[in-house]
Amino acid sequence: MKTPSHTIRPFRLADEAAVIALWRACDLVRPWNDPAKDIRRKLRVNPEWFLVAERAGAVAGTVMAGYEGHRGWINYLAVEPRRRRDGLGRALMDEAERRLRAAGCAKINLQVRTGNRDVIAFYEKLGYRVDDCVSLGKRLEND
């Protein structure tokens, strides 16, 4: 997908360092998640749904979409902090939703840290609602 200001395309291996730097700038990286391993994991499953927004030849945003046949998932939505509020996050989500819808996905889930009110408000503007459920997790591999 191309607009006058950016191109949204699948991730390329040459993007890795810039993507990880973006995730760090957006405070998405946690000590228990190795971002390089997360990238390698995603490249094994629907790699075409790992999207990068490029502006002027540089990585400006990312989103990972996933679908296992029941629910879609969004991970690692990130936009350069200085480029927020200009529609890039919405464009990435629109493209991720378009791909998931085309695959037959009926509902998308995502997780946001409870204290991240700005991001919750962003998703609510896109039509997402807080579900009445508890998110549980279990590490199967230690990074």
N, C-alpha and C. Protein backbone atom coordinates (compact mmCIF):
# COMPACT_ATOMS: atom_id res chain seq x y z
N MET A 1 0.85 -1.18 0.00
CA MET A 1 0.00 0.00 0.00
C MET A 1 0.90 1.24 0.00
N LYS A 2 0.63 2.16 -0.91
CA LYS A 2 1.45 3.37 -1.01
C LYS A 2 0.55 4.61 -0.97
N THR A 3 0.96 5.59 -0.21
CA THR A 3 0.31 6.89 -0.20
C THR A 3 1.40 7.91 -0.47
N PRO A 4 1.05 9.17 -0.64
CA PRO A 4 2.09 10.17 -0.89
C PRO A 4 3.14 10.26 0.22
N SER A 5 2.77 9.95 1.45
CA SER A 5 3.72 10.14 2.55
C SER A 5 4.42 8.87 3.02
N HIS A 6 3.87 7.70 2.70
CA HIS A 6 4.50 6.47 3.19
C HIS A 6 4.11 5.28 2.32
N THR A 7 4.87 4.22 2.50
CA THR A 7 4.59 2.93 1.87
C THR A 7 4.47 1.90 2.97
N ILE A 8 3.45 1.06 2.90
CA ILE A 8 3.32 -0.06 3.84
C ILE A 8 3.62 -1.32 3.04
N ARG A 9 4.57 -2.09 3.54
CA ARG A 9 5.05 -3.27 2.84
C ARG A 9 5.45 -4.33 3.85
N PRO A 10 5.62 -5.56 3.40
CA PRO A 10 6.10 -6.60 4.31
C PRO A 10 7.53 -6.30 4.79
N PHE A 11 7.82 -6.75 5.99
CA PHE A 11 9.15 -6.66 6.59
C PHE A 11 10.18 -7.32 5.69
N ARG A 12 11.38 -6.73 5.67
CA ARG A 12 12.54 -7.32 4.98
C ARG A 12 13.64 -7.54 6.02
N LEU A 13 14.46 -8.53 5.83
CA LEU A 13 15.53 -8.81 6.79
C LEU A 13 16.41 -7.58 7.03
N ALA A 14 16.62 -6.78 6.01
CA ALA A 14 17.45 -5.57 6.16
C ALA A 14 16.82 -4.54 7.09
N ASP A 15 15.53 -4.70 7.43
CA ASP A 15 14.83 -3.78 8.33
C ASP A 15 15.08 -4.06 9.80
N GLU A 16 15.65 -5.21 10.11
CA GLU A 16 15.67 -5.68 11.50
C GLU A 16 16.22 -4.66 12.50
N ALA A 17 17.39 -4.13 12.27
CA ALA A 17 17.98 -3.19 13.24
C ALA A 17 17.10 -1.95 13.41
N ALA A 18 16.57 -1.42 12.32
CA ALA A 18 15.72 -0.23 12.41
C ALA A 18 14.41 -0.54 13.12
N VAL A 19 13.85 -1.72 12.87
CA VAL A 19 12.61 -2.11 13.54
C VAL A 19 12.83 -2.25 15.04
N ILE A 20 13.89 -2.91 15.44
CA ILE A 20 14.17 -3.08 16.87
C ILE A 20 14.43 -1.72 17.52
N ALA A 21 15.14 -0.84 16.85
CA ALA A 21 15.37 0.51 17.39
C ALA A 21 14.04 1.24 17.55
N LEU A 22 13.13 1.10 16.59
CA LEU A 22 11.81 1.73 16.70
C LEU A 22 11.05 1.16 17.89
N TRP A 23 11.04 -0.15 18.05
CA TRP A 23 10.34 -0.77 19.16
C TRP A 23 10.91 -0.29 20.50
N ARG A 24 12.21 -0.12 20.56
CA ARG A 24 12.81 0.40 21.79
C ARG A 24 12.38 1.84 22.02
N ALA A 25 12.37 2.67 20.98
CA ALA A 25 11.95 4.07 21.10
C ALA A 25 10.49 4.18 21.54
N CYS A 26 9.69 3.17 21.19
CA CYS A 26 8.27 3.16 21.54
C CYS A 26 8.00 2.41 22.85
N ASP A 27 9.06 1.98 23.54
CA ASP A 27 8.96 1.28 24.82
C ASP A 27 8.18 -0.04 24.72
N LEU A 28 8.34 -0.74 23.62
CA LEU A 28 7.66 -2.02 23.43
C LEU A 28 8.50 -3.22 23.85
N VAL A 29 9.79 -3.03 24.00
CA VAL A 29 10.68 -4.15 24.31
C VAL A 29 10.75 -4.33 25.82
N ARG A 30 10.63 -5.58 26.23
CA ARG A 30 10.72 -5.94 27.64
C ARG A 30 11.86 -6.94 27.82
N PRO A 31 12.46 -6.99 29.00
CA PRO A 31 13.60 -7.90 29.22
C PRO A 31 13.29 -9.36 28.91
N TRP A 32 12.07 -9.77 29.08
CA TRP A 32 11.71 -11.17 28.86
C TRP A 32 11.35 -11.48 27.40
N ASN A 33 11.36 -10.48 26.53
CA ASN A 33 11.11 -10.68 25.10
C ASN A 33 12.31 -10.19 24.30
N ASP A 34 12.99 -11.10 23.67
CA ASP A 34 14.09 -10.75 22.79
C ASP A 34 13.48 -10.35 21.44
N PRO A 35 13.58 -9.08 21.05
CA PRO A 35 12.91 -8.65 19.82
C PRO A 35 13.43 -9.36 18.56
N ALA A 36 14.70 -9.70 18.52
CA ALA A 36 15.22 -10.43 17.36
C ALA A 36 14.59 -11.82 17.28
N LYS A 37 14.40 -12.47 18.42
CA LYS A 37 13.72 -13.77 18.42
C LYS A 37 12.26 -13.62 18.03
N ASP A 38 11.61 -12.55 18.49
CA ASP A 38 10.21 -12.32 18.11
C ASP A 38 10.09 -12.14 16.59
N ILE A 39 11.04 -11.46 15.99
CA ILE A 39 11.04 -11.29 14.54
C ILE A 39 11.21 -12.63 13.85
N ARG A 40 12.17 -13.42 14.29
CA ARG A 40 12.40 -14.73 13.67
C ARG A 40 11.16 -15.63 13.81
N ARG A 41 10.50 -15.56 14.98
CA ARG A 41 9.29 -16.36 15.17
C ARG A 41 8.21 -15.94 14.19
N LYS A 42 8.03 -14.63 14.03
CA LYS A 42 6.99 -14.15 13.12
C LYS A 42 7.31 -14.54 11.69
N LEU A 43 8.56 -14.54 11.31
CA LEU A 43 8.93 -14.87 9.93
C LEU A 43 8.64 -16.33 9.58
N ARG A 44 8.37 -17.16 10.60
CA ARG A 44 8.00 -18.56 10.36
C ARG A 44 6.50 -18.73 10.12
N VAL A 45 5.69 -17.73 10.51
CA VAL A 45 4.23 -17.84 10.42
C VAL A 45 3.67 -16.56 9.81
N ASN A 46 3.11 -16.66 8.63
CA ASN A 46 2.54 -15.51 7.92
C ASN A 46 3.48 -14.31 7.91
N PRO A 47 4.67 -14.47 7.38
CA PRO A 47 5.60 -13.35 7.37
C PRO A 47 5.08 -12.14 6.60
N GLU A 48 4.19 -12.37 5.64
CA GLU A 48 3.63 -11.26 4.86
C GLU A 48 2.73 -10.36 5.70
N TRP A 49 2.39 -10.79 6.91
CA TRP A 49 1.56 -9.98 7.81
C TRP A 49 2.40 -9.23 8.84
N PHE A 50 3.69 -9.24 8.67
CA PHE A 50 4.59 -8.40 9.47
C PHE A 50 4.86 -7.19 8.57
N LEU A 51 4.21 -6.09 8.87
CA LEU A 51 4.22 -4.92 8.00
C LEU A 51 5.11 -3.81 8.54
N VAL A 52 5.73 -3.13 7.60
CA VAL A 52 6.59 -1.99 7.90
C VAL A 52 6.06 -0.79 7.13
N ALA A 53 5.96 0.34 7.80
CA ALA A 53 5.65 1.60 7.13
C ALA A 53 6.98 2.30 6.89
N GLU A 54 7.18 2.70 5.67
CA GLU A 54 8.44 3.34 5.27
C GLU A 54 8.13 4.76 4.81
N ARG A 55 8.94 5.70 5.30
CA ARG A 55 8.87 7.09 4.85
C ARG A 55 10.25 7.52 4.45
N ALA A 56 10.37 8.06 3.27
CA ALA A 56 11.66 8.55 2.77
C ALA A 56 12.76 7.50 2.93
N GLY A 57 12.40 6.25 2.69
CA GLY A 57 13.38 5.17 2.74
C GLY A 57 13.73 4.67 4.13
N ALA A 58 13.06 5.18 5.16
CA ALA A 58 13.36 4.78 6.54
C ALA A 58 12.13 4.14 7.20
N VAL A 59 12.37 3.21 8.12
CA VAL A 59 11.28 2.58 8.86
C VAL A 59 10.66 3.62 9.79
N ALA A 60 9.35 3.81 9.66
CA ALA A 60 8.62 4.77 10.48
C ALA A 60 7.54 4.11 11.33
N GLY A 61 7.21 2.85 11.03
CA GLY A 61 6.17 2.16 11.80
C GLY A 61 6.16 0.68 11.49
N THR A 62 5.52 -0.09 12.38
CA THR A 62 5.40 -1.53 12.20
C THR A 62 4.07 -2.01 12.77
N VAL A 63 3.66 -3.17 12.31
CA VAL A 63 2.58 -3.92 12.95
C VAL A 63 2.74 -5.38 12.56
N MET A 64 2.47 -6.27 13.51
CA MET A 64 2.43 -7.70 13.26
C MET A 64 0.98 -8.15 13.40
N ALA A 65 0.48 -8.85 12.41
CA ALA A 65 -0.86 -9.43 12.49
C ALA A 65 -0.72 -10.94 12.49
N GLY A 66 -1.65 -11.58 13.14
CA GLY A 66 -1.66 -13.04 13.18
C GLY A 66 -3.09 -13.55 13.19
N TYR A 67 -3.25 -14.79 12.74
CA TYR A 67 -4.58 -15.41 12.69
C TYR A 67 -4.40 -16.91 12.69
N GLU A 68 -5.08 -17.58 13.61
CA GLU A 68 -4.96 -19.02 13.70
C GLU A 68 -6.25 -19.72 13.30
N GLY A 69 -7.20 -18.97 12.73
CA GLY A 69 -8.45 -19.56 12.29
C GLY A 69 -9.63 -19.25 13.18
N HIS A 70 -9.39 -18.71 14.36
CA HIS A 70 -10.47 -18.35 15.28
C HIS A 70 -10.46 -16.85 15.57
N ARG A 71 -9.32 -16.33 15.99
CA ARG A 71 -9.19 -14.91 16.29
C ARG A 71 -7.93 -14.35 15.63
N GLY A 72 -8.02 -13.10 15.26
CA GLY A 72 -6.84 -12.40 14.78
C GLY A 72 -6.16 -11.71 15.95
N TRP A 73 -4.90 -11.44 15.80
CA TRP A 73 -4.13 -10.76 16.83
C TRP A 73 -3.29 -9.66 16.21
N ILE A 74 -3.11 -8.60 16.97
CA ILE A 74 -2.23 -7.50 16.59
C ILE A 74 -1.14 -7.40 17.64
N ASN A 75 0.11 -7.30 17.17
CA ASN A 75 1.26 -7.13 18.05
C ASN A 75 2.19 -6.10 17.43
N TYR A 76 3.00 -5.51 18.27
CA TYR A 76 4.08 -4.60 17.85
C TYR A 76 3.62 -3.48 16.91
N LEU A 77 2.44 -2.91 17.18
CA LEU A 77 2.09 -1.69 16.46
C LEU A 77 2.98 -0.59 17.03
N ALA A 78 3.76 0.03 16.18
CA ALA A 78 4.70 1.08 16.61
C ALA A 78 4.78 2.15 15.54
N VAL A 79 4.82 3.39 15.98
CA VAL A 79 5.01 4.53 15.09
C VAL A 79 6.07 5.43 15.73
N GLU A 80 6.99 5.90 14.91
CA GLU A 80 8.01 6.82 15.42
C GLU A 80 7.35 7.86 16.32
N PRO A 81 7.86 8.06 17.53
CA PRO A 81 7.22 9.02 18.44
C PRO A 81 7.00 10.41 17.83
N ARG A 82 7.91 10.89 17.04
CA ARG A 82 7.74 12.23 16.46
C ARG A 82 6.74 12.26 15.31
N ARG A 83 6.31 11.11 14.85
CA ARG A 83 5.34 11.03 13.74
C ARG A 83 3.96 10.57 14.19
N ARG A 84 3.74 10.50 15.48
CA ARG A 84 2.44 10.07 15.98
C ARG A 84 1.39 11.15 15.71
N ARG A 85 0.17 10.71 15.64
CA ARG A 85 -0.99 11.59 15.41
C ARG A 85 -1.07 12.13 13.99
N ASP A 86 -0.39 11.48 13.05
CA ASP A 86 -0.49 11.93 11.65
C ASP A 86 -1.14 10.87 10.76
N GLY A 87 -1.72 9.84 11.35
CA GLY A 87 -2.46 8.85 10.59
C GLY A 87 -1.70 7.58 10.24
N LEU A 88 -0.43 7.51 10.58
CA LEU A 88 0.35 6.33 10.21
C LEU A 88 -0.10 5.09 10.98
N GLY A 89 -0.35 5.23 12.27
CA GLY A 89 -0.84 4.10 13.06
C GLY A 89 -2.17 3.59 12.52
N ARG A 90 -3.06 4.50 12.18
CA ARG A 90 -4.35 4.12 11.60
C ARG A 90 -4.14 3.40 10.26
N ALA A 91 -3.22 3.90 9.43
CA ALA A 91 -2.96 3.26 8.14
C ALA A 91 -2.42 1.84 8.32
N LEU A 92 -1.52 1.65 9.28
CA LEU A 92 -0.99 0.31 9.55
C LEU A 92 -2.11 -0.61 10.03
N MET A 93 -2.95 -0.12 10.92
CA MET A 93 -4.06 -0.94 11.41
C MET A 93 -5.05 -1.25 10.29
N ASP A 94 -5.35 -0.26 9.44
CA ASP A 94 -6.26 -0.51 8.32
C ASP A 94 -5.74 -1.63 7.43
N GLU A 95 -4.45 -1.61 7.15
CA GLU A 95 -3.87 -2.65 6.28
C GLU A 95 -3.86 -4.01 6.99
N ALA A 96 -3.53 -4.03 8.28
CA ALA A 96 -3.56 -5.29 9.02
C ALA A 96 -4.99 -5.85 9.06
N GLU A 97 -5.97 -4.99 9.32
CA GLU A 97 -7.36 -5.43 9.35
C GLU A 97 -7.81 -5.92 7.98
N ARG A 98 -7.40 -5.25 6.92
CA ARG A 98 -7.76 -5.66 5.57
C ARG A 98 -7.26 -7.07 5.29
N ARG A 99 -6.02 -7.34 5.67
CA ARG A 99 -5.45 -8.67 5.43
C ARG A 99 -6.15 -9.73 6.27
N LEU A 100 -6.44 -9.41 7.52
CA LEU A 100 -7.12 -10.38 8.38
C LEU A 100 -8.54 -10.64 7.88
N ARG A 101 -9.25 -9.59 7.50
CA ARG A 101 -10.60 -9.76 6.97
C ARG A 101 -10.59 -10.65 5.72
N ALA A 102 -9.62 -10.43 4.84
CA ALA A 102 -9.51 -11.23 3.61
C ALA A 102 -9.26 -12.71 3.93
N ALA A 103 -8.65 -12.99 5.09
CA ALA A 103 -8.39 -14.38 5.49
C ALA A 103 -9.59 -15.01 6.20
N GLY A 104 -10.67 -14.24 6.39
CA GLY A 104 -11.86 -14.78 7.04
C GLY A 104 -11.93 -14.51 8.53
N CYS A 105 -11.05 -13.68 9.04
CA CYS A 105 -11.02 -13.37 10.46
C CYS A 105 -12.27 -12.57 10.86
N ALA A 106 -12.94 -13.02 11.91
CA ALA A 106 -14.17 -12.37 12.38
C ALA A 106 -13.94 -11.40 13.54
N LYS A 107 -12.87 -11.57 14.30
CA LYS A 107 -12.62 -10.71 15.46
C LYS A 107 -11.12 -10.61 15.67
N ILE A 108 -10.68 -9.42 16.04
CA ILE A 108 -9.26 -9.18 16.33
C ILE A 108 -9.11 -8.90 17.82
N ASN A 109 -8.11 -9.51 18.42
CA ASN A 109 -7.74 -9.24 19.80
C ASN A 109 -6.37 -8.56 19.81
N LEU A 110 -6.15 -7.78 20.83
CA LEU A 110 -4.83 -7.20 21.06
C LEU A 110 -4.71 -6.92 22.54
N GLN A 111 -3.50 -6.73 22.97
CA GLN A 111 -3.23 -6.45 24.38
C GLN A 111 -2.49 -5.14 24.49
N VAL A 112 -2.90 -4.34 25.48
CA VAL A 112 -2.27 -3.06 25.79
C VAL A 112 -2.04 -3.05 27.29
N ARG A 113 -0.90 -2.58 27.71
CA ARG A 113 -0.64 -2.47 29.15
C ARG A 113 -1.67 -1.52 29.77
N THR A 114 -2.21 -1.89 30.92
CA THR A 114 -3.33 -1.15 31.51
C THR A 114 -3.03 0.33 31.75
N GLY A 115 -1.81 0.68 32.01
CA GLY A 115 -1.46 2.08 32.27
C GLY A 115 -1.27 2.92 31.02
N ASN A 116 -1.33 2.31 29.86
CA ASN A 116 -1.06 3.02 28.61
C ASN A 116 -2.35 3.62 28.05
N ARG A 117 -2.87 4.64 28.73
CA ARG A 117 -4.16 5.24 28.40
C ARG A 117 -4.20 5.83 26.99
N ASP A 118 -3.11 6.43 26.54
CA ASP A 118 -3.10 7.03 25.20
C ASP A 118 -3.30 5.98 24.12
N VAL A 119 -2.66 4.84 24.29
CA VAL A 119 -2.78 3.78 23.29
C VAL A 119 -4.18 3.15 23.35
N ILE A 120 -4.71 2.98 24.54
CA ILE A 120 -6.07 2.46 24.67
C ILE A 120 -7.04 3.41 23.96
N ALA A 121 -6.88 4.71 24.18
CA ALA A 121 -7.75 5.70 23.52
C ALA A 121 -7.60 5.63 21.99
N PHE A 122 -6.38 5.42 21.50
CA PHE A 122 -6.16 5.28 20.05
C PHE A 122 -6.98 4.11 19.51
N TYR A 123 -6.88 2.95 20.15
CA TYR A 123 -7.61 1.78 19.66
C TYR A 123 -9.11 1.99 19.78
N GLU A 124 -9.56 2.64 20.83
CA GLU A 124 -11.00 2.90 20.97
C GLU A 124 -11.50 3.77 19.82
N LYS A 125 -10.70 4.72 19.36
CA LYS A 125 -11.09 5.55 18.21
C LYS A 125 -11.23 4.71 16.94
N LEU A 126 -10.52 3.59 16.89
CA LEU A 126 -10.59 2.69 15.74
C LEU A 126 -11.72 1.67 15.87
N GLY A 127 -12.49 1.74 16.97
CA GLY A 127 -13.62 0.84 17.15
C GLY A 127 -13.37 -0.34 18.07
N TYR A 128 -12.19 -0.43 18.65
CA TYR A 128 -11.89 -1.51 19.59
C TYR A 128 -12.49 -1.17 20.95
N ARG A 129 -12.90 -2.19 21.68
CA ARG A 129 -13.46 -2.02 23.01
C ARG A 129 -12.74 -2.93 23.99
N VAL A 130 -12.70 -2.53 25.24
CA VAL A 130 -12.11 -3.35 26.28
C VAL A 130 -13.03 -4.55 26.50
N ASP A 131 -12.50 -5.75 26.34
CA ASP A 131 -13.27 -6.98 26.58
C ASP A 131 -13.26 -7.28 28.07
N ASP A 132 -14.33 -7.89 28.53
CA ASP A 132 -14.43 -8.28 29.93
C ASP A 132 -13.79 -9.65 30.10
N CYS A 133 -12.46 -9.65 30.11
CA CYS A 133 -11.74 -10.90 30.27
C CYS A 133 -10.38 -10.62 30.91
N VAL A 134 -9.73 -11.67 31.32
CA VAL A 134 -8.40 -11.58 31.91
C VAL A 134 -7.43 -12.19 30.92
N SER A 135 -6.34 -11.53 30.70
CA SER A 135 -5.31 -12.06 29.82
C SER A 135 -4.35 -12.89 30.65
N LEU A 136 -4.17 -14.13 30.27
CA LEU A 136 -3.23 -15.03 30.94
C LEU A 136 -2.11 -15.36 29.97
N GLY A 137 -0.96 -15.67 30.49
CA GLY A 137 0.16 -16.04 29.65
C GLY A 137 1.06 -17.04 30.34
N LYS A 138 1.77 -17.79 29.55
CA LYS A 138 2.73 -18.77 30.06
C LYS A 138 3.91 -18.82 29.10
N ARG A 139 5.10 -18.60 29.59
CA ARG A 139 6.30 -18.67 28.74
C ARG A 139 6.61 -20.12 28.44
N LEU A 140 6.76 -20.43 27.19
CA LEU A 140 7.17 -21.77 26.76
C LEU A 140 8.65 -21.81 26.42
N GLU A 141 9.23 -20.62 26.22
CA GLU A 141 10.64 -20.49 25.90
C GLU A 141 11.15 -19.23 26.59
N ASN A 142 12.26 -19.35 27.27
CA ASN A 142 12.85 -18.18 27.91
C ASN A 142 13.80 -17.51 26.94
N ASP A 143 13.56 -16.22 26.74
CA ASP A 143 14.42 -15.43 25.87
C ASP A 143 15.58 -14.99 26.70
